[in-house]
PDB file of N, CA and C in Angstrom:
ATOM      1  N   MET A   1    -139.759 100.563 114.653  1.00  0.00           N
ATOM      2  CA  MET A   1    -139.089 101.074 113.485  1.00  0.00           C
ATOM      3  C   MET A   1    -138.153  99.980 112.961  1.00  0.00           C
ATOM      4  N   SER A   2    -138.060  99.856 111.628  1.00  0.00           N
ATOM      5  CA  SER A   2    -137.228  98.790 111.077  1.00  0.00           C
ATOM      6  C   SER A   2    -135.757  99.207 111.055  1.00  0.00           C
ATOM      7  N   ASP A   3    -134.905  98.218 110.866  1.00  0.00           N
ATOM      8  CA  ASP A   3    -133.463  98.464 110.879  1.00  0.00           C
ATOM      9  C   ASP A   3    -133.000  99.302 109.697  1.00  0.00           C
ATOM     10  N   LYS A   4    -133.693  99.220 108.560  1.00  0.00           N
ATOM     11  CA  LYS A   4    -133.234  99.969 107.386  1.00  0.00           C
ATOM     12  C   LYS A   4    -133.350 101.480 107.600  1.00  0.00           C
ATOM     13  N   HIS A   5    -134.214 101.915 108.478  1.00  0.00           N
ATOM     14  CA  HIS A   5    -134.345 103.345 108.747  1.00  0.00           C
ATOM     15  C   HIS A   5    -133.294 103.840 109.738  1.00  0.00           C
ATOM     16  N   LEU A   6    -132.666 102.948 110.445  1.00  0.00           N
ATOM     17  CA  LEU A   6    -131.654 103.353 111.394  1.00  0.00           C
ATOM     18  C   LEU A   6    -130.304 103.590 110.712  1.00  0.00           C
ATOM     19  N   LEU A   7    -130.102 103.010 109.523  1.00  0.00           N
ATOM     20  CA  LEU A   7    -128.823 103.121 108.826  1.00  0.00           C
ATOM     21  C   LEU A   7    -128.916 104.108 107.657  1.00  0.00           C
ATOM     22  N   VAL A   8    -129.497 105.235 107.883  1.00  0.00           N
ATOM     23  CA  VAL A   8    -129.699 106.221 106.835  1.00  0.00           C
ATOM     24  C   VAL A   8    -128.448 107.059 106.611  1.00  0.00           C
ATOM     25  N   GLU A   9    -127.660 107.276 107.616  1.00  0.00           N
ATOM     26  CA  GLU A   9    -126.512 108.163 107.507  1.00  0.00           C
ATOM     27  C   GLU A   9    -125.419 107.521 106.660  1.00  0.00           C
ATOM     28  N   LYS A  10    -125.023 108.239 105.594  1.00  0.00           N
ATOM     29  CA  LYS A  10    -123.911 107.837 104.745  1.00  0.00           C
ATOM     30  C   LYS A  10    -123.017 109.054 104.586  1.00  0.00           C
ATOM     31  N   SER A  11    -121.772 108.806 104.258  1.00  0.00           N
ATOM     32  CA  SER A  11    -120.861 109.930 104.062  1.00  0.00           C
ATOM     33  C   SER A  11    -121.201 110.630 102.747  1.00  0.00           C
ATOM     34  N   LEU A  12    -120.895 111.900 102.693  1.00  0.00           N
ATOM     35  CA  LEU A  12    -121.160 112.688 101.488  1.00  0.00           C
ATOM     36  C   LEU A  12    -120.399 112.122 100.298  1.00  0.00           C
ATOM     37  N   LYS A  13    -119.175 111.663 100.538  1.00  0.00           N
ATOM     38  CA  LYS A  13    -118.364 111.091  99.463  1.00  0.00           C
ATOM     39  C   LYS A  13    -119.034 109.848  98.876  1.00  0.00           C
ATOM     40  N   LYS A  14    -119.565 108.988  99.733  1.00  0.00           N
ATOM     41  CA  LYS A  14    -120.222 107.767  99.272  1.00  0.00           C
ATOM     42  C   LYS A  14    -121.490 108.087  98.473  1.00  0.00           C
ATOM     43  N   ILE A  15    -122.246 109.074  98.917  1.00  0.00           N
ATOM     44  CA  ILE A  15    -123.453 109.482  98.203  1.00  0.00           C
ATOM     45  C   ILE A  15    -123.094 110.033  96.825  1.00  0.00           C
ATOM     46  N   MET A  16    -122.051 110.873  96.767  1.00  0.00           N
ATOM     47  CA  MET A  16    -121.645 111.466  95.495  1.00  0.00           C
ATOM     48  C   MET A  16    -121.127 110.416  94.522  1.00  0.00           C
ATOM     49  N   VAL A  17    -120.341 109.463  95.011  1.00  0.00           N
ATOM     50  CA  VAL A  17    -119.824 108.397  94.150  1.00  0.00           C
ATOM     51  C   VAL A  17    -120.975 107.538  93.630  1.00  0.00           C
ATOM     52  N   ASN A  18    -121.916 107.196  94.505  1.00  0.00           N
ATOM     53  CA  ASN A  18    -123.071 106.394  94.080  1.00  0.00           C
ATOM     54  C   ASN A  18    -123.886 107.119  93.020  1.00  0.00           C
ATOM     55  N   ASN A  19    -124.142 108.410  93.212  1.00  0.00           N
ATOM     56  CA  ASN A  19    -124.910 109.172  92.233  1.00  0.00           C
ATOM     57  C   ASN A  19    -124.161 109.333  90.918  1.00  0.00           C
ATOM     58  N   PHE A  20    -122.844 109.523  90.982  1.00  0.00           N
ATOM     59  CA  PHE A  20    -122.032 109.661  89.773  1.00  0.00           C
ATOM     60  C   PHE A  20    -122.051 108.370  88.953  1.00  0.00           C
ATOM     61  N   VAL A  21    -121.821 107.254  89.616  1.00  0.00           N
ATOM     62  CA  VAL A  21    -121.824 105.959  88.922  1.00  0.00           C
ATOM     63  C   VAL A  21    -123.218 105.654  88.380  1.00  0.00           C
ATOM     64  N   GLY A  22    -124.243 105.965  89.153  1.00  0.00           N
ATOM     65  CA  GLY A  22    -125.605 105.760  88.674  1.00  0.00           C
ATOM     66  C   GLY A  22    -125.918 106.619  87.462  1.00  0.00           C
ATOM     67  N   GLY A  23    -125.437 107.846  87.445  1.00  0.00           N
ATOM     68  CA  GLY A  23    -125.650 108.731  86.303  1.00  0.00           C
ATOM     69  C   GLY A  23    -124.948 108.243  85.055  1.00  0.00           C
ATOM     70  N   ILE A  24    -123.732 107.747  85.222  1.00  0.00           N
ATOM     71  CA  ILE A  24    -123.005 107.192  84.077  1.00  0.00           C
ATOM     72  C   ILE A  24    -123.740 105.963  83.536  1.00  0.00           C
ATOM     73  N   ALA A  25    -124.189 105.094  84.416  1.00  0.00           N
ATOM     74  CA  ALA A  25    -124.912 103.893  83.989  1.00  0.00           C
ATOM     75  C   ALA A  25    -126.207 104.269  83.277  1.00  0.00           C
ATOM     76  N   TRP A  26    -126.922 105.258  83.780  1.00  0.00           N
ATOM     77  CA  TRP A  26    -128.167 105.700  83.159  1.00  0.00           C
ATOM     78  C   TRP A  26    -127.888 106.265  81.762  1.00  0.00           C
ATOM     79  N   GLY A  27    -126.873 107.110  81.654  1.00  0.00           N
ATOM     80  CA  GLY A  27    -126.531 107.708  80.363  1.00  0.00           C
ATOM     81  C   GLY A  27    -126.105 106.663  79.348  1.00  0.00           C
ATOM     82  N   LEU A  28    -125.327 105.692  79.776  1.00  0.00           N
ATOM     83  CA  LEU A  28    -124.902 104.619  78.883  1.00  0.00           C
ATOM     84  C   LEU A  28    -126.097 103.782  78.436  1.00  0.00           C
ATOM     85  N   GLY A  29    -126.994 103.502  79.353  1.00  0.00           N
ATOM     86  CA  GLY A  29    -128.190 102.731  79.007  1.00  0.00           C
ATOM     87  C   GLY A  29    -129.081 103.455  78.023  1.00  0.00           C
ATOM     88  N   VAL A  30    -129.258 104.752  78.220  1.00  0.00           N
ATOM     89  CA  VAL A  30    -130.081 105.538  77.302  1.00  0.00           C
ATOM     90  C   VAL A  30    -129.437 105.575  75.920  1.00  0.00           C
ATOM     91  N   THR A  31    -128.126 105.750  75.866  1.00  0.00           N
ATOM     92  CA  THR A  31    -127.421 105.809  74.584  1.00  0.00           C
ATOM     93  C   THR A  31    -127.525 104.492  73.827  1.00  0.00           C
ATOM     94  N   ILE A  32    -127.296 103.403  74.510  1.00  0.00           N
ATOM     95  CA  ILE A  32    -127.377 102.092  73.862  1.00  0.00           C
ATOM     96  C   ILE A  32    -128.811 101.798  73.435  1.00  0.00           C
ATOM     97  N   GLY A  33    -129.763 102.105  74.298  1.00  0.00           N
ATOM     98  CA  GLY A  33    -131.168 101.861  73.952  1.00  0.00           C
ATOM     99  C   GLY A  33    -131.625 102.680  72.770  1.00  0.00           C
ATOM    100  N   ALA A  34    -131.258 103.954  72.735  1.00  0.00           N
ATOM    101  CA  ALA A  34    -131.646 104.805  71.613  1.00  0.00           C
ATOM    102  C   ALA A  34    -130.983 104.345  70.324  1.00  0.00           C
ATOM    103  N   SER A  35    -129.725 103.927  70.402  1.00  0.00           N
ATOM    104  CA  SER A  35    -129.028 103.432  69.211  1.00  0.00           C
ATOM    105  C   SER A  35    -129.711 102.191  68.659  1.00  0.00           C
ATOM    106  N   LEU A  36    -130.055 101.272  69.536  1.00  0.00           N
ATOM    107  CA  LEU A  36    -130.739 100.062  69.082  1.00  0.00           C
ATOM    108  C   LEU A  36    -132.103 100.379  68.475  1.00  0.00           C
ATOM    109  N   LEU A  37    -132.859 101.238  69.139  1.00  0.00           N
ATOM    110  CA  LEU A  37    -134.185 101.592  68.648  1.00  0.00           C
ATOM    111  C   LEU A  37    -134.108 102.285  67.295  1.00  0.00           C
ATOM    112  N   LEU A  38    -133.208 103.255  67.156  1.00  0.00           N
ATOM    113  CA  LEU A  38    -133.072 103.955  65.880  1.00  0.00           C
ATOM    114  C   LEU A  38    -132.530 103.044  64.788  1.00  0.00           C
ATOM    115  N   GLY A  39    -131.650 102.127  65.151  1.00  0.00           N
ATOM    116  CA  GLY A  39    -131.149 101.158  64.175  1.00  0.00           C
ATOM    117  C   GLY A  39    -132.246 100.244  63.663  1.00  0.00           C
ATOM    118  N   ILE A  40    -133.076  99.765  64.568  1.00  0.00           N
ATOM    119  CA  ILE A  40    -134.194  98.895  64.170  1.00  0.00           C
ATOM    120  C   ILE A  40    -135.193  99.667  63.320  1.00  0.00           C
ATOM    121  N   LEU A  41    -135.514 100.896  63.731  1.00  0.00           N
ATOM    122  CA  LEU A  41    -136.444 101.715  62.932  1.00  0.00           C
ATOM    123  C   LEU A  41    -135.862 102.023  61.554  1.00  0.00           C
ATOM    124  N   GLY A  42    -134.567 102.301  61.489  1.00  0.00           N
ATOM    125  CA  GLY A  42    -133.921 102.553  60.200  1.00  0.00           C
ATOM    126  C   GLY A  42    -133.933 101.330  59.312  1.00  0.00           C
ATOM    127  N   TYR A  43    -133.732 100.176  59.895  1.00  0.00           N
ATOM    128  CA  TYR A  43    -133.760  98.935  59.130  1.00  0.00           C
ATOM    129  C   TYR A  43    -135.146  98.706  58.528  1.00  0.00           C
ATOM    130  N   PHE A  44    -136.180  98.860  59.344  1.00  0.00           N
ATOM    131  CA  PHE A  44    -137.533  98.666  58.828  1.00  0.00           C
ATOM    132  C   PHE A  44    -137.919  99.751  57.831  1.00  0.00           C
ATOM    133  N   ALA A  45    -137.474 100.975  58.060  1.00  0.00           N
ATOM    134  CA  ALA A  45    -137.780 102.060  57.133  1.00  0.00           C
ATOM    135  C   ALA A  45    -137.121 101.818  55.779  1.00  0.00           C
ATOM    136  N   SER A  46    -135.909 101.268  55.777  1.00  0.00           N
ATOM    137  CA  SER A  46    -135.242 100.998  54.505  1.00  0.00           C
ATOM    138  C   SER A  46    -135.919  99.852  53.765  1.00  0.00           C
ATOM    139  N   ASN A  47    -136.528  98.925  54.492  1.00  0.00           N
ATOM    140  CA  ASN A  47    -137.208  97.806  53.849  1.00  0.00           C
ATOM    141  C   ASN A  47    -138.549  98.209  53.243  1.00  0.00           C
ATOM    142  N   ILE A  48    -139.182  99.260  53.765  1.00  0.00           N
ATOM    143  CA  ILE A  48    -140.468  99.658  53.199  1.00  0.00           C
ATOM    144  C   ILE A  48    -140.317 100.778  52.179  1.00  0.00           C
ATOM    145  N   GLY A  49    -139.080 101.214  51.938  1.00  0.00           N
ATOM    146  CA  GLY A  49    -138.821 102.170  50.878  1.00  0.00           C
ATOM    147  C   GLY A  49    -139.047 103.621  51.242  1.00  0.00           C
ATOM    148  N   ILE A  50    -139.053 103.970  52.520  1.00  0.00           N
ATOM    149  CA  ILE A  50    -139.283 105.368  52.899  1.00  0.00           C
ATOM    150  C   ILE A  50    -137.982 106.173  52.917  1.00  0.00           C
ATOM    151  N   VAL A  51    -136.844 105.509  53.043  1.00  0.00           N
ATOM    152  CA  VAL A  51    -135.566 106.211  53.144  1.00  0.00           C
ATOM    153  C   VAL A  51    -135.214 106.956  51.856  1.00  0.00           C
ATOM    154  N   PRO A  52    -135.411 106.379  50.657  1.00  0.00           N
ATOM    155  CA  PRO A  52    -135.100 107.160  49.448  1.00  0.00           C
ATOM    156  C   PRO A  52    -135.911 108.446  49.347  1.00  0.00           C
ATOM    157  N   VAL A  53    -137.151 108.428  49.802  1.00  0.00           N
ATOM    158  CA  VAL A  53    -137.980 109.629  49.777  1.00  0.00           C
ATOM    159  C   VAL A  53    -137.392 110.682  50.703  1.00  0.00           C
ATOM    160  N   VAL A  54    -137.011 110.270  51.887  1.00  0.00           N
ATOM    161  CA  VAL A  54    -136.415 111.191  52.856  1.00  0.00           C
ATOM    162  C   VAL A  54    -135.063 111.678  52.340  1.00  0.00           C
ATOM    163  N   GLY A  55    -134.270 110.778  51.758  1.00  0.00           N
ATOM    164  CA  GLY A  55    -132.971 111.156  51.222  1.00  0.00           C
ATOM    165  C   GLY A  55    -133.091 112.181  50.109  1.00  0.00           C
ATOM    166  N   LYS A  56    -134.078 112.013  49.239  1.00  0.00           N
ATOM    167  CA  LYS A  56    -134.290 112.974  48.153  1.00  0.00           C
ATOM    168  C   LYS A  56    -134.701 114.330  48.722  1.00  0.00           C
ATOM    169  N   PHE A  57    -135.549 114.328  49.740  1.00  0.00           N
ATOM    170  CA  PHE A  57    -135.978 115.571  50.376  1.00  0.00           C
ATOM    171  C   PHE A  57    -134.785 116.301  50.984  1.00  0.00           C
ATOM    172  N   VAL A  58    -133.932 115.564  51.678  1.00  0.00           N
ATOM    173  CA  VAL A  58    -132.758 116.181  52.302  1.00  0.00           C
ATOM    174  C   VAL A  58    -131.815 116.719  51.229  1.00  0.00           C
ATOM    175  N   GLN A  59    -131.653 115.988  50.140  1.00  0.00           N
ATOM    176  CA  GLN A  59    -130.797 116.444  49.045  1.00  0.00           C
ATOM    177  C   GLN A  59    -131.327 117.750  48.448  1.00  0.00           C
ATOM    178  N   GLU A  60    -132.637 117.810  48.219  1.00  0.00           N
ATOM    179  CA  GLU A  60    -133.228 119.036  47.681  1.00  0.00           C
ATOM    180  C   GLU A  60    -133.105 120.194  48.663  1.00  0.00           C
ATOM    181  N   LEU A  61    -133.266 119.918  49.929  1.00  0.00           N
ATOM    182  CA  LEU A  61    -133.140 120.947  50.954  1.00  0.00           C
ATOM    183  C   LEU A  61    -131.719 121.505  50.992  1.00  0.00           C
ATOM    184  N   LEU A  62    -130.727 120.624  50.950  1.00  0.00           N
ATOM    185  CA  LEU A  62    -129.335 121.076  50.966  1.00  0.00           C
ATOM    186  C   LEU A  62    -129.005 121.874  49.712  1.00  0.00           C
ATOM    187  N   LEU A  63    -129.518 121.454  48.565  1.00  0.00           N
ATOM    188  CA  LEU A  63    -129.289 122.194  47.327  1.00  0.00           C
ATOM    189  C   LEU A  63    -129.910 123.584  47.406  1.00  0.00           C
ATOM    190  N   PHE A  64    -131.129 123.666  47.931  1.00  0.00           N
ATOM    191  CA  PHE A  64    -131.805 124.951  48.094  1.00  0.00           C
ATOM    192  C   PHE A  64    -131.012 125.871  49.019  1.00  0.00           C
ATOM    193  N   LEU A  65    -130.541 125.312  50.125  1.00  0.00           N
ATOM    194  CA  LEU A  65    -129.778 126.117  51.076  1.00  0.00           C
ATOM    195  C   LEU A  65    -128.458 126.596  50.466  1.00  0.00           C
ATOM    196  N   ALA A  66    -127.810 125.747  49.672  1.00  0.00           N
ATOM    197  CA  ALA A  66    -126.549 126.139  49.053  1.00  0.00           C
ATOM    198  C   ALA A  66    -126.774 127.247  48.021  1.00  0.00           C
ATOM    199  N   GLU A  67    -127.860 127.155  47.274  1.00  0.00           N
ATOM    200  CA  GLU A  67    -128.140 128.161  46.246  1.00  0.00           C
ATOM    201  C   GLU A  67    -128.555 129.487  46.852  1.00  0.00           C
ATOM    202  N   ASN A  68    -129.199 129.473  47.991  1.00  0.00           N
ATOM    203  CA  ASN A  68    -129.739 130.689  48.581  1.00  0.00           C
ATOM    204  C   ASN A  68    -128.955 131.179  49.800  1.00  0.00           C
ATOM    205  N   SER A  69    -127.754 130.694  49.968  1.00  0.00           N
ATOM    206  CA  SER A  69    -126.971 131.152  51.118  1.00  0.00           C
ATOM    207  C   SER A  69    -126.397 132.541  50.845  1.00  0.00           C
ATOM    208  N   PRO A  70    -126.253 133.341  51.883  1.00  0.00           N
ATOM    209  CA  PRO A  70    -125.735 134.692  51.684  1.00  0.00           C
ATOM    210  C   PRO A  70    -124.262 134.724  51.299  1.00  0.00           C
ATOM    211  N   THR A  71    -123.543 133.630  51.482  1.00  0.00           N
ATOM    212  CA  THR A  71    -122.129 133.621  51.137  1.00  0.00           C
ATOM    213  C   THR A  71    -121.909 133.447  49.640  1.00  0.00           C
ATOM    214  N   GLY A  72    -122.947 133.034  48.907  1.00  0.00           N
ATOM    215  CA  GLY A  72    -122.887 132.930  47.454  1.00  0.00           C
ATOM    216  C   GLY A  72    -122.079 131.755  46.949  1.00  0.00           C
ATOM    217  N   ARG A  73    -122.149 130.641  47.634  1.00  0.00           N
ATOM    218  CA  ARG A  73    -121.432 129.440  47.181  1.00  0.00           C
ATOM    219  C   ARG A  73    -121.999 128.913  45.896  1.00  0.00           C
TER     220      ARG A  73
END
C-alpha cells in the first residue's frame, strides 16, 4: 500500500476549511468566466448589428407590459 493512503485522516475543521475555500474559488472562477464570455459575446453581437433588434424587442415588450398591467399605469 502506498504512503498516500496511510495519511487519509484529517480533522473535520481542516476538511471544512478546504471545502469552503475551494467553493469560494470555484464560484469566483465561474463568475469571472461567465462575465468574460458574455462580454465577448456582447461585443461581437454589437458588431454584427443584432443588439438593436433585441433592444427594440425588449422596448416593445416593456411597453406592452406597461399598457396591459392590472395596476393601470
